[in-house]
């Protein structure tokens, strides 16, 4: 191995590992170094399509963004094991970008021996080909019940002798106890790899922290190398869960976009750009009352899901099915993305036991049949130029989506379902209009309900310009802002010391 390996560990989930890893990737890439990210195992329903030996595969979205920050081409070695939760007790296992049915059926603790050789090989290959590998841990390295089967934290750090930073969320309280307790529970050889503590999400005067950092160093021998201020609007999507429950808009609100936040929501990071479009308020909703006041010009989005039939049942149990239908009935804009489009149709048919059979919401005359094989690919396409541009026939109201007519778009697909016009409904005159080729997009006859298999729509500048006449900050500007932030708040020389040659070399 030739690369310098830096690892970001956390005292808990949500401490700030993902965004700090992303910032470090851009910081070192700006020095002209060849940098890549790595996370041995990620658990997330936010995934992206990247290069693999077999063509294309899946990795967690966090590693995808980290690779872009590192100015590297994303590939499956950067996240060799991805767990995609389908319920509270079951996850689909994706190994080296491909779904592995055997591992999916295997008990959790039994997987480590099976997958570690491929994880180690992926890391070794990245180390051999690059100057710096920035590694992200998962959860906490001090989960002592999982230590023997660890494949994502200290086993990785020991394998490549990574120089580790341990980050904690000081806003939650108990930060110094979290840092000390994590350090104390590690074996001595693992403690030796920790080179600095990082306090994240601090509010107020950092001078008031004294003498705690020095006391912690006296106990552990490890310095606190950074106190990072709370930063709400850094622009990077959160890796896990709904990234913001607040109603946020820049300037006067002209459009509210209400995204249904069902339990197994997936690929929610694709909506991050909407947070930064002037006049748009992005709102996550879980109840009918949250969308009762929407105007016809406002949007409801049904996003992706890792359990379409289960989330559809949840949506009905909350009364959101009636609320979405009422918004559509008054001409309001409704968009379904991937599983969201499947839900908008008439029926889900599952001959292979992939997801489950269910009646749809009936807002698009479509039927979805789940296939055994998953579609995973990048897609470049163009919206139809003869877009249905009027709602309600003679009423003359413009379709909320007509601005996309003829627009070229790029994105990605991750789905088992194949969706097509419901034949009996077409015979009866209820026709869905194809707005993208190959069954990728459909619009209802009224023009206000749109369904797409294409993920990443709002990450395309041409789409934002067409729909809002505005652009969001580019990812490059977000990554540069993260790198500037850590350069400002880390102690002088620390970041460079992490890639300095060791004394023994």
Protein backbone atom coordinates (compact mmCIF):
# COMPACT_ATOMS: atom_id res chain seq x y z
CA UNK A 1 0.00 0.00 0.00
CA UNK A 2 1.33 3.44 -0.92
CA UNK A 3 -1.48 5.82 0.04
CA UNK A 4 -1.72 7.78 3.27
CA UNK A 5 -4.92 6.63 4.98
CA UNK A 6 -6.99 9.00 7.12
CA UNK A 7 -10.05 7.71 8.92
CA UNK A 8 -12.97 9.65 10.37
CA UNK A 9 -14.56 7.84 13.31
CA UNK A 10 -17.55 9.02 15.33
CA UNK A 11 -18.68 8.64 18.91
CA UNK A 12 -22.22 8.07 17.61
CA UNK A 13 -24.17 7.97 14.40
CA UNK A 14 -24.90 11.51 13.23
CA UNK A 15 -21.72 12.93 14.77
CA UNK A 16 -20.58 14.37 11.43
CA UNK A 17 -18.43 11.64 9.89
CA UNK A 18 -19.84 11.83 6.36
CA UNK A 19 -19.56 15.56 5.80
CA UNK A 20 -16.10 15.74 7.45
CA UNK A 21 -14.91 12.92 5.19
CA UNK A 22 -16.26 14.83 2.20
CA UNK A 23 -14.49 18.01 3.31
CA UNK A 24 -11.18 16.16 3.75
CA UNK A 25 -11.52 14.65 0.27
CA UNK A 26 -11.77 18.09 -1.30
CA UNK A 27 -9.10 19.60 1.00
CA UNK A 28 -6.46 17.08 -0.10
CA UNK A 29 -7.61 16.98 -3.73
CA UNK A 30 -7.04 20.75 -3.94
CA UNK A 31 -3.38 20.09 -3.09
CA UNK A 32 -3.01 18.18 -6.34
CA UNK A 33 -3.07 14.78 -4.64
CA UNK A 34 -4.84 11.74 -6.03
CA UNK A 35 -7.59 11.15 -3.46
CA UNK A 36 -10.43 8.64 -3.06
CA UNK A 37 -12.98 7.93 -0.30
CA UNK A 38 -13.73 4.56 1.27
CA UNK A 39 -16.40 3.15 3.56
CA UNK A 40 -16.33 -0.60 4.06
CA UNK A 41 -20.00 -0.95 4.93
CA UNK A 42 -22.77 1.60 4.66
CA UNK A 43 -26.39 1.21 5.72
CA UNK A 44 -28.54 3.59 3.70
CA UNK A 45 -31.38 3.67 1.20
CA UNK A 46 -29.70 6.60 -0.50
CA UNK A 47 -27.70 5.03 -3.34
CA UNK A 48 -26.09 6.05 -6.62
CA UNK A 49 -25.15 4.22 -9.80
CA UNK A 50 -21.39 3.98 -10.38
CA UNK A 51 -18.82 1.96 -12.33
CA UNK A 52 -18.22 -1.69 -11.44
CA UNK A 53 -16.44 -4.69 -12.96
CA UNK A 54 -19.77 -5.89 -14.36
CA UNK A 55 -20.62 -2.49 -15.81
CA UNK A 56 -22.65 -0.50 -13.29
CA UNK A 57 -23.50 -1.03 -9.65
CA UNK A 58 -24.66 0.74 -6.48
CA UNK A 59 -22.84 2.51 -3.67
CA UNK A 60 -24.10 4.74 -0.87
CA UNK A 61 -24.79 8.33 -1.90
CA UNK A 62 -22.35 9.64 0.72
CA UNK A 63 -19.43 7.86 -0.95
CA UNK A 64 -20.64 9.04 -4.34
CA UNK A 65 -20.51 12.67 -3.20
CA UNK A 66 -17.18 12.07 -1.45
CA UNK A 67 -15.70 10.75 -4.68
CA UNK A 68 -16.85 13.85 -6.54
CA UNK A 69 -15.33 15.98 -3.79
CA UNK A 70 -12.08 14.05 -4.26
CA UNK A 71 -12.28 14.69 -8.03
CA UNK A 72 -12.26 10.92 -8.55
CA UNK A 73 -14.42 8.70 -10.71
CA UNK A 74 -16.90 6.90 -8.42
CA UNK A 75 -16.68 3.11 -8.38
CA UNK A 76 -18.00 0.29 -6.24
CA UNK A 77 -14.68 -0.27 -4.42
CA UNK A 78 -15.31 2.95 -2.51
CA UNK A 79 -18.25 1.29 -0.70
CA UNK A 80 -17.92 -2.46 -1.22
CA UNK A 81 -20.80 -3.41 1.10
CA UNK A 82 -24.12 -1.54 1.09
CA UNK A 83 -27.07 -2.52 3.27
CA UNK A 84 -30.45 -1.16 2.11
CA UNK A 85 -33.09 -1.51 4.87
CA UNK A 86 -36.39 -2.93 3.66
CA UNK A 87 -37.95 -3.26 7.13
CA UNK A 88 -36.89 -2.97 10.77
CA UNK A 89 -35.43 -6.47 10.67
CA UNK A 90 -34.33 -7.01 7.06
CA UNK A 91 -31.91 -5.34 4.64
CA UNK A 92 -31.02 -6.03 1.04
CA UNK A 93 -27.27 -6.67 0.80
CA UNK A 94 -25.33 -5.15 -2.09
CA UNK A 95 -21.75 -6.47 -2.43
CA UNK A 96 -19.37 -4.79 -4.86
CA UNK A 97 -22.33 -3.00 -6.42
CA UNK A 98 -24.57 -6.04 -6.99
CA UNK A 99 -27.45 -7.47 -4.97
CA UNK A 100 -26.32 -10.67 -3.21
CA UNK A 101 -29.29 -12.90 -2.32
CA UNK A 102 -27.15 -15.32 -0.28
CA UNK A 103 -25.78 -12.55 1.94
CA UNK A 104 -29.24 -10.98 2.23
CA UNK A 105 -30.55 -14.24 3.71
CA UNK A 106 -27.54 -14.71 6.00
CA UNK A 107 -27.64 -13.70 9.71
CA UNK A 108 -26.01 -10.33 10.42
CA UNK A 109 -22.99 -11.59 12.37
CA UNK A 110 -22.27 -14.38 9.90
CA UNK A 111 -21.52 -11.97 7.07
CA UNK A 112 -18.21 -10.57 8.30
CA UNK A 113 -16.03 -13.59 7.52
CA UNK A 114 -17.70 -13.90 4.14
CA UNK A 115 -17.26 -10.29 3.03
CA UNK A 116 -14.02 -9.16 4.70
CA UNK A 117 -11.69 -10.52 1.97
CA UNK A 118 -13.48 -8.49 -0.70
CA UNK A 119 -13.55 -5.39 1.52
CA UNK A 120 -9.83 -5.70 2.21
CA UNK A 121 -9.04 -6.24 -1.46
CA UNK A 122 -11.04 -3.17 -2.48
CA UNK A 123 -9.20 -1.04 0.09
CA UNK A 124 -5.80 -2.43 -0.93
CA UNK A 125 -6.47 -1.62 -4.57
CA UNK A 126 -7.47 1.95 -3.75
CA UNK A 127 -4.40 2.38 -1.56
CA UNK A 128 -2.11 1.10 -4.33
CA UNK A 129 -3.52 3.50 -6.92
CA UNK A 130 -3.82 6.75 -4.93
CA UNK A 131 -1.95 9.22 -2.73
CA UNK A 132 -4.62 9.60 -0.05
CA UNK A 133 -7.57 7.42 0.98
CA UNK A 134 -10.06 9.16 3.27
CA UNK A 135 -12.02 6.49 5.14
CA UNK A 136 -15.34 6.89 6.91
CA UNK A 137 -16.31 4.68 9.83
CA UNK A 138 -19.83 3.74 10.83
CA UNK A 139 -21.70 4.36 14.07
CA UNK A 140 -19.10 4.11 16.84
CA UNK A 141 -15.89 2.05 16.96
CA UNK A 142 -16.65 1.27 20.62
CA UNK A 143 -19.71 -0.91 20.00
CA UNK A 144 -18.17 -3.68 22.10
CA UNK A 145 -20.97 -6.13 21.29
CA UNK A 146 -19.96 -5.89 17.62
CA UNK A 147 -16.19 -5.63 18.04
CA UNK A 148 -15.42 -9.26 17.19
CA UNK A 149 -17.30 -9.06 13.90
CA UNK A 150 -16.23 -5.51 13.02
CA UNK A 151 -15.55 -4.91 9.33
CA UNK A 152 -16.09 -1.16 9.10
CA UNK A 153 -14.25 0.62 11.94
CA UNK A 154 -11.05 -0.41 13.71
CA UNK A 155 -10.47 -3.56 11.68
CA UNK A 156 -10.25 -1.30 8.64
CA UNK A 157 -8.06 1.21 10.49
CA UNK A 158 -5.64 -1.51 11.61
CA UNK A 159 -5.53 -3.06 8.16
CA UNK A 160 -4.20 0.13 6.58
CA UNK A 161 -2.72 1.76 9.70
CA UNK A 162 -4.97 4.77 9.23
CA UNK A 163 -4.46 7.97 11.16
CA UNK A 164 -7.81 8.47 12.82
CA UNK A 165 -9.88 11.48 13.87
CA UNK A 166 -12.67 10.91 16.40
CA UNK A 167 -15.56 13.34 15.95
CA UNK A 168 -18.42 14.02 18.35
CA UNK A 169 -21.59 16.13 18.21
CA UNK A 170 -21.17 18.62 21.06
CA UNK A 171 -24.64 20.05 20.44
CA UNK A 172 -26.16 16.87 21.90
CA UNK A 173 -24.32 17.29 25.20
CA UNK A 174 -21.93 14.90 26.89
CA UNK A 175 -19.28 15.35 24.20
CA UNK A 176 -16.23 14.93 26.44
CA UNK A 177 -17.70 11.84 28.06
CA UNK A 178 -18.43 10.42 24.61
CA UNK A 179 -14.87 11.02 23.48
CA UNK A 180 -13.29 9.64 26.64
CA UNK A 181 -15.65 6.65 26.84
CA UNK A 182 -15.04 5.71 23.21
CA UNK A 183 -11.26 5.95 23.68
CA UNK A 184 -11.38 3.99 26.95
CA UNK A 185 -13.31 1.08 25.44
CA UNK A 186 -10.80 0.56 22.62
CA UNK A 187 -7.85 -1.84 22.95
CA UNK A 188 -4.45 -0.17 23.29
CA UNK A 189 -3.34 -0.93 19.72
CA UNK A 190 -6.50 0.73 18.38
CA UNK A 191 -6.21 3.76 20.66
CA UNK A 192 -2.75 4.35 19.23
CA UNK A 193 -4.28 5.12 15.82
CA UNK A 194 -6.37 8.06 17.11
CA UNK A 195 -4.50 11.29 16.39
CA UNK A 196 -7.07 13.91 17.31
CA UNK A 197 -10.51 14.67 18.73
CA UNK A 198 -12.96 16.89 16.81
CA UNK A 199 -15.84 18.77 18.43
CA UNK A 200 -18.59 19.28 15.86
CA UNK A 201 -21.71 21.52 15.84
CA UNK A 202 -20.49 23.92 18.54
CA UNK A 203 -22.49 27.08 19.29
CA UNK A 204 -21.00 30.01 21.16
CA UNK A 205 -17.58 31.05 22.36
CA UNK A 206 -15.05 28.22 21.99
CA UNK A 207 -12.97 29.80 24.75
CA UNK A 208 -15.60 28.66 27.24
CA UNK A 209 -14.66 25.02 26.60
CA UNK A 210 -11.45 25.37 28.63
CA UNK A 211 -10.10 23.57 30.56
CA UNK A 212 -11.95 20.48 29.25
CA UNK A 213 -9.87 19.88 26.08
CA UNK A 214 -6.62 19.97 28.05
CA UNK A 215 -8.08 17.75 30.78
CA UNK A 216 -9.14 15.26 28.12
CA UNK A 217 -5.65 15.34 26.60
CA UNK A 218 -4.11 14.74 30.04
CA UNK A 219 -6.30 11.65 30.42
CA UNK A 220 -5.81 10.23 26.92
CA UNK A 221 -2.74 11.85 25.42
CA UNK A 222 -4.86 12.93 22.44
CA UNK A 223 -5.34 16.62 21.55
CA UNK A 224 -8.58 18.26 20.48
CA UNK A 225 -7.56 19.41 17.01
CA UNK A 226 -10.72 21.23 15.89
CA UNK A 227 -13.84 22.88 17.24
CA UNK A 228 -16.24 23.18 14.31
CA UNK A 229 -19.08 25.71 14.62
CA UNK A 230 -22.67 24.73 13.95
CA UNK A 231 -23.27 25.12 10.21
CA UNK A 232 -26.85 24.59 9.06
CA UNK A 233 -26.62 25.45 5.37
CA UNK A 234 -23.42 23.79 4.14
CA UNK A 235 -25.32 22.42 1.13
CA UNK A 236 -24.35 18.74 1.39
CA UNK A 237 -27.23 16.25 1.70
CA UNK A 238 -27.43 14.40 4.98
CA UNK A 239 -26.70 10.70 4.62
CA UNK A 240 -29.40 9.30 6.87
CA UNK A 241 -33.05 10.17 7.31
CA UNK A 242 -34.93 13.32 6.43
CA UNK A 243 -32.27 16.00 6.33
CA UNK A 244 -34.38 18.95 7.42
CA UNK A 245 -37.82 19.14 8.99
CA UNK A 246 -37.87 22.95 8.90
CA UNK A 247 -39.71 25.02 6.33
CA UNK A 248 -36.91 26.82 4.55
CA UNK A 249 -37.00 29.23 1.64
CA UNK A 250 -34.73 31.89 0.20
CA UNK A 251 -36.71 35.12 -0.20
CA UNK A 252 -40.45 35.28 -0.81
CA UNK A 253 -42.04 31.84 -1.11
CA UNK A 254 -43.60 31.24 -4.52
CA UNK A 255 -43.74 27.43 -4.50
CA UNK A 256 -44.02 24.95 -1.65
CA UNK A 257 -42.68 21.49 -2.46
CA UNK A 258 -44.11 18.91 -0.04
CA UNK A 259 -42.22 15.60 -0.08
CA UNK A 260 -44.01 12.64 1.53
CA UNK A 261 -41.59 11.21 4.11
CA UNK A 262 -42.69 7.61 4.40
CA UNK A 263 -40.76 5.17 6.61
CA UNK A 264 -38.63 3.52 3.88
CA UNK A 265 -37.97 6.66 1.86
CA UNK A 266 -34.96 6.32 -0.44
CA UNK A 267 -32.76 8.61 -2.52
CA UNK A 268 -34.05 11.65 -0.67
CA UNK A 269 -30.69 13.38 -1.22
CA UNK A 270 -31.76 14.16 -4.80
CA UNK A 271 -34.08 16.88 -3.45
CA UNK A 272 -31.27 18.80 -1.71
CA UNK A 273 -30.92 21.30 -4.63
CA UNK A 274 -34.51 22.45 -4.07
CA UNK A 275 -33.48 23.84 -0.68
CA UNK A 276 -31.30 26.36 -2.47
CA UNK A 277 -33.66 27.55 -5.22
CA UNK A 278 -34.93 31.09 -4.50
CA UNK A 279 -38.62 31.17 -3.66
CA UNK A 280 -38.93 27.41 -3.07
CA UNK A 281 -39.85 26.04 0.35
CA UNK A 282 -39.02 22.36 0.78
CA UNK A 283 -41.26 20.65 3.33
CA UNK A 284 -41.23 17.04 4.56
CA UNK A 285 -44.70 15.79 5.42
CA UNK A 286 -46.09 12.79 7.29
CA UNK A 287 -49.70 13.80 7.85
CA UNK A 288 -52.65 15.19 5.81
CA UNK A 289 -52.72 18.38 7.87
CA UNK A 290 -49.26 19.28 6.58
CA UNK A 291 -50.50 19.49 2.99
CA UNK A 292 -54.08 20.63 3.57
CA UNK A 293 -53.20 24.26 2.88
CA UNK A 294 -51.28 23.72 -0.36
CA UNK A 295 -52.31 25.81 -3.34
CA UNK A 296 -52.70 24.34 -6.86
CA UNK A 297 -49.34 25.86 -7.80
CA UNK A 298 -47.62 23.97 -5.00
CA UNK A 299 -46.21 20.49 -5.48
CA UNK A 300 -46.55 17.13 -3.77
CA UNK A 301 -43.72 14.68 -4.43
CA UNK A 302 -43.91 10.95 -3.77
CA UNK A 303 -40.21 9.99 -3.61
CA UNK A 304 -38.44 6.65 -3.94
CA UNK A 305 -38.95 3.82 -1.45
CA UNK A 306 -37.15 0.60 -0.56
CA UNK A 307 -40.51 -1.01 0.24
CA UNK A 308 -43.09 0.33 -2.18
CA UNK A 309 -46.09 -1.70 -1.05
CA UNK A 310 -45.26 -1.21 2.63
CA UNK A 311 -44.88 2.55 2.30
CA UNK A 312 -48.05 2.69 0.21
CA UNK A 313 -49.90 0.93 3.03
CA UNK A 314 -48.41 3.44 5.51
CA UNK A 315 -49.47 6.34 3.29
CA UNK A 316 -53.04 5.05 3.31
CA UNK A 317 -53.01 4.46 7.07
CA UNK A 318 -52.11 8.12 7.59
CA UNK A 319 -54.88 9.37 5.29
CA UNK A 320 -52.31 10.81 2.91
CA UNK A 321 -53.81 8.97 -0.06
CA UNK A 322 -56.95 11.10 0.15
CA UNK A 323 -54.91 14.28 0.70
CA UNK A 324 -52.77 13.62 -2.39
CA UNK A 325 -55.86 12.81 -4.46
CA UNK A 326 -57.58 16.00 -3.29
CA UNK A 327 -54.58 18.10 -4.31
CA UNK A 328 -54.52 16.44 -7.73
CA UNK A 329 -58.29 16.89 -8.13
CA UNK A 330 -57.99 20.66 -7.76
CA UNK A 331 -55.26 20.73 -10.43
CA UNK A 332 -52.31 20.68 -8.04
CA UNK A 333 -48.96 19.39 -9.23
CA UNK A 334 -48.08 15.83 -8.18
CA UNK A 335 -44.79 14.14 -9.02
CA UNK A 336 -43.90 10.50 -8.36
CA UNK A 337 -40.26 9.43 -8.60
CA UNK A 338 -39.49 5.72 -9.07
CA UNK A 339 -41.50 3.98 -6.33
CA UNK A 340 -43.56 7.18 -6.13
CA UNK A 341 -44.60 6.72 -9.75
CA UNK A 342 -45.45 3.08 -9.05
CA UNK A 343 -47.70 4.18 -6.18
CA UNK A 344 -49.50 6.68 -8.42
CA UNK A 345 -50.59 3.91 -10.80
CA UNK A 346 -53.49 1.46 -10.62
CA UNK A 347 -51.74 -1.66 -9.36
CA UNK A 348 -48.49 -3.25 -8.17
CA UNK A 349 -48.10 -6.85 -9.36
CA UNK A 350 -45.37 -8.96 -7.76
CA UNK A 351 -45.02 -12.44 -9.29
CA UNK A 352 -41.58 -13.05 -7.74
CA UNK A 353 -42.11 -11.92 -4.14
CA UNK A 354 -39.88 -8.89 -4.56
CA UNK A 355 -41.99 -6.21 -2.89
CA UNK A 356 -45.65 -7.21 -2.61
CA UNK A 357 -48.93 -6.82 -4.47
CA UNK A 358 -51.04 -3.74 -3.82
CA UNK A 359 -53.63 -1.45 -5.41
CA UNK A 360 -52.19 1.92 -6.38
CA UNK A 361 -53.55 5.41 -5.79
CA UNK A 362 -55.17 5.50 -9.23
CA UNK A 363 -53.85 8.91 -10.28
CA UNK A 364 -52.07 7.51 -13.35
CA UNK A 365 -53.54 4.72 -15.55
CA UNK A 366 -50.42 2.56 -15.17
CA UNK A 367 -49.60 -0.91 -13.91
CA UNK A 368 -46.24 -1.96 -12.46
CA UNK A 369 -44.91 -5.52 -12.55
CA UNK A 370 -41.89 -6.25 -10.34
CA UNK A 371 -39.10 -8.10 -12.15
CA UNK A 372 -36.61 -10.50 -10.57
CA UNK A 373 -33.63 -8.51 -11.85
CA UNK A 374 -32.96 -4.96 -10.69
CA UNK A 375 -32.38 -2.19 -13.24
CA UNK A 376 -29.28 -0.20 -12.23
CA UNK A 377 -27.95 2.26 -14.79
CA UNK A 378 -27.09 5.81 -15.72
CA UNK A 379 -29.55 7.35 -18.15
CA UNK A 380 -29.39 10.26 -20.56
CA UNK A 381 -32.65 11.10 -22.27
CA UNK A 382 -34.91 13.93 -23.37
CA UNK A 383 -38.45 14.93 -22.48
CA UNK A 384 -40.90 14.74 -25.37
CA UNK A 385 -41.15 17.93 -27.35
CA UNK A 386 -44.92 17.53 -27.80
CA UNK A 387 -45.51 17.70 -24.05
CA UNK A 388 -49.16 17.93 -23.03
CA UNK A 389 -49.21 21.64 -22.21
CA UNK A 390 -52.75 22.24 -20.97
CA UNK A 391 -54.66 21.07 -17.92
CA UNK A 392 -58.36 20.25 -18.10
CA UNK A 393 -58.78 20.64 -21.85
CA UNK A 394 -60.63 23.88 -22.51
CA UNK A 395 -59.96 25.34 -19.08
CA UNK A 396 -56.68 26.67 -20.40
CA UNK A 397 -54.55 26.24 -17.28
CA UNK A 398 -50.92 25.48 -18.12
CA UNK A 399 -49.43 22.17 -17.08
CA UNK A 400 -46.96 22.64 -14.19
CA UNK A 401 -44.52 20.39 -16.03
CA UNK A 402 -44.80 21.77 -19.58
CA UNK A 403 -41.58 23.81 -19.17
CA UNK A 404 -39.69 20.51 -19.39
CA UNK A 405 -40.81 19.86 -22.97
CA UNK A 406 -37.77 19.06 -25.10
CA UNK A 407 -35.30 19.39 -22.20
CA UNK A 408 -32.38 16.93 -22.25
CA UNK A 409 -31.77 15.34 -18.85
CA UNK A 410 -29.38 12.91 -17.22
CA UNK A 411 -29.88 10.84 -14.11
CA UNK A 412 -29.93 7.27 -12.86
CA UNK A 413 -32.29 4.34 -12.41
CA UNK A 414 -32.50 1.87 -9.50
CA UNK A 415 -35.71 -0.19 -9.63
CA UNK A 416 -37.18 -3.69 -9.88
CA UNK A 417 -40.51 -2.59 -11.33
CA UNK A 418 -41.40 -2.20 -15.00
CA UNK A 419 -44.30 0.19 -15.61
CA UNK A 420 -46.65 0.46 -18.58
CA UNK A 421 -50.05 1.74 -19.61
CA UNK A 422 -52.96 -0.20 -18.07
CA UNK A 423 -54.41 -1.83 -21.22
CA UNK A 424 -58.06 -2.00 -20.12
CA UNK A 425 -58.00 1.64 -19.03
CA UNK A 426 -56.49 2.67 -22.35
CA UNK A 427 -59.29 0.87 -24.15
CA UNK A 428 -61.76 2.85 -22.03
CA UNK A 429 -60.05 6.11 -23.02
CA UNK A 430 -57.99 6.73 -19.88
CA UNK A 431 -54.54 7.13 -21.39
CA UNK A 432 -51.18 7.94 -19.81
CA UNK A 433 -49.02 10.07 -22.08
CA UNK A 434 -45.35 8.99 -22.36
CA UNK A 435 -43.11 12.00 -21.69
CA UNK A 436 -39.85 10.03 -21.64
CA UNK A 437 -38.98 7.05 -23.85
CA UNK A 438 -38.81 3.38 -22.78
CA UNK A 439 -41.44 3.71 -20.05
CA UNK A 440 -39.32 6.14 -18.00
CA UNK A 441 -41.97 8.84 -17.65
CA UNK A 442 -45.73 9.28 -17.88
CA UNK A 443 -48.23 12.11 -17.50
CA UNK A 444 -51.98 11.98 -16.88
CA UNK A 445 -54.47 13.40 -19.36
CA UNK A 446 -55.07 16.48 -17.23
CA UNK A 447 -51.36 17.24 -17.25
CA UNK A 448 -50.79 17.86 -13.54
CA UNK A 449 -49.67 14.36 -12.42
CA UNK A 450 -46.25 13.20 -13.58
CA UNK A 451 -44.42 9.94 -12.86
CA UNK A 452 -40.73 9.27 -13.59
CA UNK A 453 -38.29 6.42 -13.06
CA UNK A 454 -35.43 8.88 -13.45
CA UNK A 455 -33.66 9.86 -10.23
CA UNK A 456 -31.55 13.02 -9.99
CA UNK A 457 -33.91 15.30 -11.90
CA UNK A 458 -33.32 18.34 -9.67
CA UNK A 459 -29.55 17.89 -9.79
CA UNK A 460 -29.69 18.82 -13.47
CA UNK A 461 -29.18 22.59 -13.97
CA UNK A 462 -31.29 22.54 -17.15
CA UNK A 463 -34.27 21.20 -15.21
CA UNK A 464 -34.00 23.82 -12.45
CA UNK A 465 -33.68 26.55 -15.05
CA UNK A 466 -36.73 25.31 -16.95
CA UNK A 467 -38.96 24.87 -13.90
CA UNK A 468 -37.85 27.79 -11.72
CA UNK A 469 -35.76 30.08 -13.92
CA UNK A 470 -32.99 29.69 -11.35
CA UNK A 471 -30.03 27.56 -10.44
CA UNK A 472 -28.81 26.04 -7.18
CA UNK A 473 -25.17 26.20 -6.06
CA UNK A 474 -23.01 23.69 -7.88
CA UNK A 475 -21.65 20.69 -6.00
CA UNK A 476 -18.13 21.96 -6.67
CA UNK A 477 -18.90 25.17 -4.82
CA UNK A 478 -20.34 23.15 -1.92
CA UNK A 479 -17.23 20.96 -1.74
CA UNK A 480 -14.92 23.97 -1.86
CA UNK A 481 -16.91 25.59 0.95
CA UNK A 482 -16.48 22.47 3.10
CA UNK A 483 -12.73 22.42 2.48
CA UNK A 484 -12.44 26.12 3.32
CA UNK A 485 -14.40 25.53 6.53
CA UNK A 486 -12.13 22.82 7.91
CA UNK A 487 -9.00 24.69 6.82
CA UNK A 488 -10.21 27.63 8.92
CA UNK A 489 -11.20 25.69 12.04
CA UNK A 490 -8.61 22.92 12.39
CA UNK A 491 -5.49 23.72 14.38
CA UNK A 492 -2.62 24.88 12.17
CA UNK A 493 -0.65 22.06 10.62
CA UNK A 494 -2.96 19.23 11.73
CA UNK A 495 -4.43 18.38 8.34
CA UNK A 496 -1.02 18.35 6.68
CA UNK A 497 0.46 16.24 9.50
CA UNK A 498 -2.09 13.51 8.79
CA UNK A 499 -0.45 12.82 5.44
CA UNK A 500 3.15 13.46 6.52
CA UNK A 501 5.57 10.51 6.28
CA UNK A 502 5.80 8.54 9.52
CA UNK A 503 9.02 8.57 11.49
CA UNK A 504 9.63 4.89 10.76
CA UNK A 505 9.53 5.49 7.00
